[in-house]
Amino acid sequence: MLIRPLLKQELPWLISEIVLLIVLLNANPPELWFWFVVFLVIFGYRIERWWSARADT
């Protein structure tokens, strides 16, 4: 049952990425780039964490 602890660990990140994506889709042009960069930074961080965890196992 490794999936449940992993889901509990990843669920806040997934929710924050979904919320940021919704904000990004509804953003006005001046703030669009800011929210896009925030989304990319968080998404890139999650990919890096996933990649490093995958390499450890």
PDB file of N, CA and C in Angstrom:
ATOM      1  N   MET A   1       0.817  -1.196   0.000  1.00  0.00           N
ATOM      2  CA  MET A   1       0.000   0.000   0.000  1.00  0.00           C
ATOM      3  C   MET A   1       0.857   1.255   0.000  1.00  0.00           C
ATOM      4  N   LEU A   2       1.797   1.319  -0.880  1.00  0.00           N
ATOM      5  CA  LEU A   2       2.669   2.488  -1.003  1.00  0.00           C
ATOM      6  C   LEU A   2       1.929   3.669  -1.619  1.00  0.00           C
ATOM      7  N   ILE A   3       0.868   3.390  -2.356  1.00  0.00           N
ATOM      8  CA  ILE A   3       0.191   4.457  -3.097  1.00  0.00           C
ATOM      9  C   ILE A   3      -0.483   5.459  -2.154  1.00  0.00           C
ATOM     10  N   ARG A   4      -1.031   5.020  -1.039  1.00  0.00           N
ATOM     11  CA  ARG A   4      -1.731   5.962  -0.154  1.00  0.00           C
ATOM     12  C   ARG A   4      -0.800   6.969   0.506  1.00  0.00           C
ATOM     13  N   PRO A   5       0.328   6.561   1.094  1.00  0.00           N
ATOM     14  CA  PRO A   5       1.235   7.589   1.640  1.00  0.00           C
ATOM     15  C   PRO A   5       1.771   8.526   0.558  1.00  0.00           C
ATOM     16  N   LEU A   6       2.034   7.974  -0.623  1.00  0.00           N
ATOM     17  CA  LEU A   6       2.518   8.805  -1.719  1.00  0.00           C
ATOM     18  C   LEU A   6       1.450   9.801  -2.158  1.00  0.00           C
ATOM     19  N   LEU A   7       0.205   9.352  -2.211  1.00  0.00           N
ATOM     20  CA  LEU A   7      -0.886  10.248  -2.588  1.00  0.00           C
ATOM     21  C   LEU A   7      -1.081  11.336  -1.547  1.00  0.00           C
ATOM     22  N   LYS A   8      -0.985  10.994  -0.265  1.00  0.00           N
ATOM     23  CA  LYS A   8      -1.107  12.011   0.782  1.00  0.00           C
ATOM     24  C   LYS A   8       0.021  13.029   0.697  1.00  0.00           C
ATOM     25  N   GLN A   9       1.195  12.575   0.300  1.00  0.00           N
ATOM     26  CA  GLN A   9       2.345  13.471   0.185  1.00  0.00           C
ATOM     27  C   GLN A   9       2.216  14.375  -1.043  1.00  0.00           C
ATOM     28  N   GLU A  10       1.700  13.854  -2.117  1.00  0.00           N
ATOM     29  CA  GLU A  10       1.638  14.612  -3.373  1.00  0.00           C
ATOM     30  C   GLU A  10       0.355  15.402  -3.551  1.00  0.00           C
ATOM     31  N   LEU A  11      -0.689  15.089  -2.808  1.00  0.00           N
ATOM     32  CA  LEU A  11      -1.978  15.740  -3.005  1.00  0.00           C
ATOM     33  C   LEU A  11      -1.933  17.260  -2.850  1.00  0.00           C
ATOM     34  N   PRO A  12      -1.282  17.829  -1.831  1.00  0.00           N
ATOM     35  CA  PRO A  12      -1.232  19.307  -1.762  1.00  0.00           C
ATOM     36  C   PRO A  12      -0.547  19.942  -2.968  1.00  0.00           C
ATOM     37  N   TRP A  13       0.493  19.294  -3.485  1.00  0.00           N
ATOM     38  CA  TRP A  13       1.180  19.836  -4.659  1.00  0.00           C
ATOM     39  C   TRP A  13       0.288  19.770  -5.887  1.00  0.00           C
ATOM     40  N   LEU A  14      -0.427  18.674  -6.045  1.00  0.00           N
ATOM     41  CA  LEU A  14      -1.329  18.548  -7.191  1.00  0.00           C
ATOM     42  C   LEU A  14      -2.445  19.581  -7.127  1.00  0.00           C
ATOM     43  N   ILE A  15      -2.992  19.793  -5.941  1.00  0.00           N
ATOM     44  CA  ILE A  15      -4.049  20.786  -5.783  1.00  0.00           C
ATOM     45  C   ILE A  15      -3.513  22.184  -6.080  1.00  0.00           C
ATOM     46  N   SER A  16      -2.317  22.499  -5.588  1.00  0.00           N
ATOM     47  CA  SER A  16      -1.756  23.829  -5.851  1.00  0.00           C
ATOM     48  C   SER A  16      -1.474  24.031  -7.336  1.00  0.00           C
ATOM     49  N   GLU A  17      -1.024  22.995  -8.026  1.00  0.00           N
ATOM     50  CA  GLU A  17      -0.783  23.129  -9.459  1.00  0.00           C
ATOM     51  C   GLU A  17      -2.079  23.313 -10.231  1.00  0.00           C
ATOM     52  N   ILE A  18      -3.131  22.623  -9.833  1.00  0.00           N
ATOM     53  CA  ILE A  18      -4.430  22.789 -10.496  1.00  0.00           C
ATOM     54  C   ILE A  18      -4.978  24.187 -10.254  1.00  0.00           C
ATOM     55  N   VAL A  19      -4.861  24.678  -9.008  1.00  0.00           N
ATOM     56  CA  VAL A  19      -5.333  26.029  -8.698  1.00  0.00           C
ATOM     57  C   VAL A  19      -4.545  27.066  -9.498  1.00  0.00           C
ATOM     58  N   LEU A  20      -3.226  26.897  -9.566  1.00  0.00           N
ATOM     59  CA  LEU A  20      -2.415  27.836 -10.341  1.00  0.00           C
ATOM     60  C   LEU A  20      -2.750  27.788 -11.825  1.00  0.00           C
ATOM     61  N   LEU A  21      -3.057  26.612 -12.328  1.00  0.00           N
ATOM     62  CA  LEU A  21      -3.444  26.500 -13.733  1.00  0.00           C
ATOM     63  C   LEU A  21      -4.769  27.208 -13.990  1.00  0.00           C
ATOM     64  N   ILE A  22      -5.713  27.094 -13.064  1.00  0.00           N
ATOM     65  CA  ILE A  22      -6.989  27.804 -13.199  1.00  0.00           C
ATOM     66  C   ILE A  22      -6.766  29.313 -13.139  1.00  0.00           C
ATOM     67  N   VAL A  23      -5.925  29.763 -12.202  1.00  0.00           N
ATOM     68  CA  VAL A  23      -5.604  31.195 -12.119  1.00  0.00           C
ATOM     69  C   VAL A  23      -4.927  31.657 -13.402  1.00  0.00           C
ATOM     70  N   LEU A  24      -4.031  30.849 -13.924  1.00  0.00           N
ATOM     71  CA  LEU A  24      -3.327  31.197 -15.160  1.00  0.00           C
ATOM     72  C   LEU A  24      -4.291  31.336 -16.325  1.00  0.00           C
ATOM     73  N   LEU A  25      -5.262  30.453 -16.406  1.00  0.00           N
ATOM     74  CA  LEU A  25      -6.219  30.521 -17.508  1.00  0.00           C
ATOM     75  C   LEU A  25      -7.163  31.723 -17.399  1.00  0.00           C
ATOM     76  N   ASN A  26      -7.349  32.242 -16.173  1.00  0.00           N
ATOM     77  CA  ASN A  26      -8.236  33.386 -15.977  1.00  0.00           C
ATOM     78  C   ASN A  26      -7.489  34.704 -15.760  1.00  0.00           C
ATOM     79  N   ALA A  27      -6.183  34.703 -15.914  1.00  0.00           N
ATOM     80  CA  ALA A  27      -5.386  35.898 -15.627  1.00  0.00           C
ATOM     81  C   ALA A  27      -5.498  36.928 -16.750  1.00  0.00           C
ATOM     82  N   ASN A  28      -5.329  38.171 -16.354  1.00  0.00           N
ATOM     83  CA  ASN A  28      -5.270  39.260 -17.326  1.00  0.00           C
ATOM     84  C   ASN A  28      -3.878  39.302 -17.944  1.00  0.00           C
ATOM     85  N   PRO A  29      -3.738  39.894 -19.131  1.00  0.00           N
ATOM     86  CA  PRO A  29      -2.435  39.895 -19.800  1.00  0.00           C
ATOM     87  C   PRO A  29      -1.259  40.422 -18.981  1.00  0.00           C
ATOM     88  N   PRO A  30      -1.377  41.490 -18.184  1.00  0.00           N
ATOM     89  CA  PRO A  30      -0.186  41.940 -17.445  1.00  0.00           C
ATOM     90  C   PRO A  30       0.312  40.916 -16.415  1.00  0.00           C
ATOM     91  N   GLU A  31      -0.610  40.198 -15.779  1.00  0.00           N
ATOM     92  CA  GLU A  31      -0.176  39.257 -14.748  1.00  0.00           C
ATOM     93  C   GLU A  31      -0.033  37.835 -15.275  1.00  0.00           C
ATOM     94  N   LEU A  32      -0.335  37.645 -16.524  1.00  0.00           N
ATOM     95  CA  LEU A  32      -0.268  36.308 -17.115  1.00  0.00           C
ATOM     96  C   LEU A  32       1.131  35.737 -17.043  1.00  0.00           C
ATOM     97  N   TRP A  33       2.146  36.520 -17.353  1.00  0.00           N
ATOM     98  CA  TRP A  33       3.523  36.020 -17.339  1.00  0.00           C
ATOM     99  C   TRP A  33       3.985  35.668 -15.933  1.00  0.00           C
ATOM    100  N   PHE A  34       3.555  36.457 -14.954  1.00  0.00           N
ATOM    101  CA  PHE A  34       3.917  36.167 -13.566  1.00  0.00           C
ATOM    102  C   PHE A  34       3.368  34.803 -13.139  1.00  0.00           C
ATOM    103  N   TRP A  35       2.078  34.571 -13.362  1.00  0.00           N
ATOM    104  CA  TRP A  35       1.478  33.302 -12.962  1.00  0.00           C
ATOM    105  C   TRP A  35       2.019  32.146 -13.783  1.00  0.00           C
ATOM    106  N   PHE A  36       2.367  32.388 -15.029  1.00  0.00           N
ATOM    107  CA  PHE A  36       2.955  31.348 -15.865  1.00  0.00           C
ATOM    108  C   PHE A  36       4.322  30.934 -15.325  1.00  0.00           C
ATOM    109  N   VAL A  37       5.127  31.905 -14.916  1.00  0.00           N
ATOM    110  CA  VAL A  37       6.443  31.601 -14.345  1.00  0.00           C
ATOM    111  C   VAL A  37       6.293  30.870 -13.015  1.00  0.00           C
ATOM    112  N   VAL A  38       5.345  31.299 -12.174  1.00  0.00           N
ATOM    113  CA  VAL A  38       5.106  30.608 -10.904  1.00  0.00           C
ATOM    114  C   VAL A  38       4.710  29.163 -11.155  1.00  0.00           C
ATOM    115  N   PHE A  39       3.824  28.942 -12.112  1.00  0.00           N
ATOM    116  CA  PHE A  39       3.399  27.585 -12.447  1.00  0.00           C
ATOM    117  C   PHE A  39       4.573  26.749 -12.939  1.00  0.00           C
ATOM    118  N   LEU A  40       5.400  27.308 -13.810  1.00  0.00           N
ATOM    119  CA  LEU A  40       6.539  26.558 -14.331  1.00  0.00           C
ATOM    120  C   LEU A  40       7.561  26.228 -13.249  1.00  0.00           C
ATOM    121  N   VAL A  41       7.780  27.154 -12.320  1.00  0.00           N
ATOM    122  CA  VAL A  41       8.731  26.894 -11.234  1.00  0.00           C
ATOM    123  C   VAL A  41       8.232  25.755 -10.348  1.00  0.00           C
ATOM    124  N   ILE A  42       6.988  25.804  -9.961  1.00  0.00           N
ATOM    125  CA  ILE A  42       6.444  24.738  -9.109  1.00  0.00           C
ATOM    126  C   ILE A  42       6.411  23.414  -9.858  1.00  0.00           C
ATOM    127  N   PHE A  43       6.003  23.439 -11.114  1.00  0.00           N
ATOM    128  CA  PHE A  43       5.953  22.216 -11.914  1.00  0.00           C
ATOM    129  C   PHE A  43       7.356  21.647 -12.122  1.00  0.00           C
ATOM    130  N   GLY A  44       8.321  22.510 -12.384  1.00  0.00           N
ATOM    131  CA  GLY A  44       9.706  22.058 -12.537  1.00  0.00           C
ATOM    132  C   GLY A  44      10.267  21.478 -11.254  1.00  0.00           C
ATOM    133  N   TYR A  45       9.918  22.088 -10.128  1.00  0.00           N
ATOM    134  CA  TYR A  45      10.358  21.564  -8.833  1.00  0.00           C
ATOM    135  C   TYR A  45       9.777  20.179  -8.587  1.00  0.00           C
ATOM    136  N   ARG A  46       8.526  19.991  -8.908  1.00  0.00           N
ATOM    137  CA  ARG A  46       7.894  18.684  -8.711  1.00  0.00           C
ATOM    138  C   ARG A  46       8.518  17.628  -9.623  1.00  0.00           C
ATOM    139  N   ILE A  47       8.835  17.988 -10.853  1.00  0.00           N
ATOM    140  CA  ILE A  47       9.479  17.034 -11.762  1.00  0.00           C
ATOM    141  C   ILE A  47      10.857  16.667 -11.240  1.00  0.00           C
ATOM    142  N   GLU A  48      11.598  17.653 -10.741  1.00  0.00           N
ATOM    143  CA  GLU A  48      12.936  17.378 -10.212  1.00  0.00           C
ATOM    144  C   GLU A  48      12.854  16.470  -8.986  1.00  0.00           C
ATOM    145  N   ARG A  49      11.898  16.711  -8.092  1.00  0.00           N
ATOM    146  CA  ARG A  49      11.725  15.859  -6.907  1.00  0.00           C
ATOM    147  C   ARG A  49      11.327  14.444  -7.311  1.00  0.00           C
ATOM    148  N   TRP A  50      10.451  14.321  -8.292  1.00  0.00           N
ATOM    149  CA  TRP A  50      10.033  13.002  -8.764  1.00  0.00           C
ATOM    150  C   TRP A  50      11.213  12.273  -9.392  1.00  0.00           C
ATOM    151  N   TRP A  51      12.001  12.978 -10.180  1.00  0.00           N
ATOM    152  CA  TRP A  51      13.145  12.364 -10.849  1.00  0.00           C
ATOM    153  C   TRP A  51      14.198  11.892  -9.835  1.00  0.00           C
ATOM    154  N   SER A  52      14.449  12.708  -8.799  1.00  0.00           N
ATOM    155  CA  SER A  52      15.432  12.317  -7.802  1.00  0.00           C
ATOM    156  C   SER A  52      14.909  11.155  -6.946  1.00  0.00           C
ATOM    157  N   ALA A  53      13.622  11.128  -6.646  1.00  0.00           N
ATOM    158  CA  ALA A  53      13.054  10.009  -5.886  1.00  0.00           C
ATOM    159  C   ALA A  53      13.076   8.731  -6.721  1.00  0.00           C
ATOM    160  N   ARG A  54      12.892   8.866  -8.004  1.00  0.00           N
ATOM    161  CA  ARG A  54      12.920   7.711  -8.897  1.00  0.00           C
ATOM    162  C   ARG A  54      14.323   7.141  -9.002  1.00  0.00           C
ATOM    163  N   ALA A  55      15.315   8.005  -8.968  1.00  0.00           N
ATOM    164  CA  ALA A  55      16.701   7.563  -9.076  1.00  0.00           C
ATOM    165  C   ALA A  55      17.165   6.872  -7.787  1.00  0.00           C
ATOM    166  N   ASP A  56      16.563   7.218  -6.643  1.00  0.00           N
ATOM    167  CA  ASP A  56      16.946   6.621  -5.367  1.00  0.00           C
ATOM    168  C   ASP A  56      16.458   5.187  -5.216  1.00  0.00           C
ATOM    169  N   THR A  57      15.360   4.848  -5.881  1.00  0.00           N
ATOM    170  CA  THR A  57      14.815   3.493  -5.717  1.00  0.00           C
ATOM    171  C   THR A  57      15.381   2.509  -6.694  1.00  0.00           C
TER     172      THR A  57
END
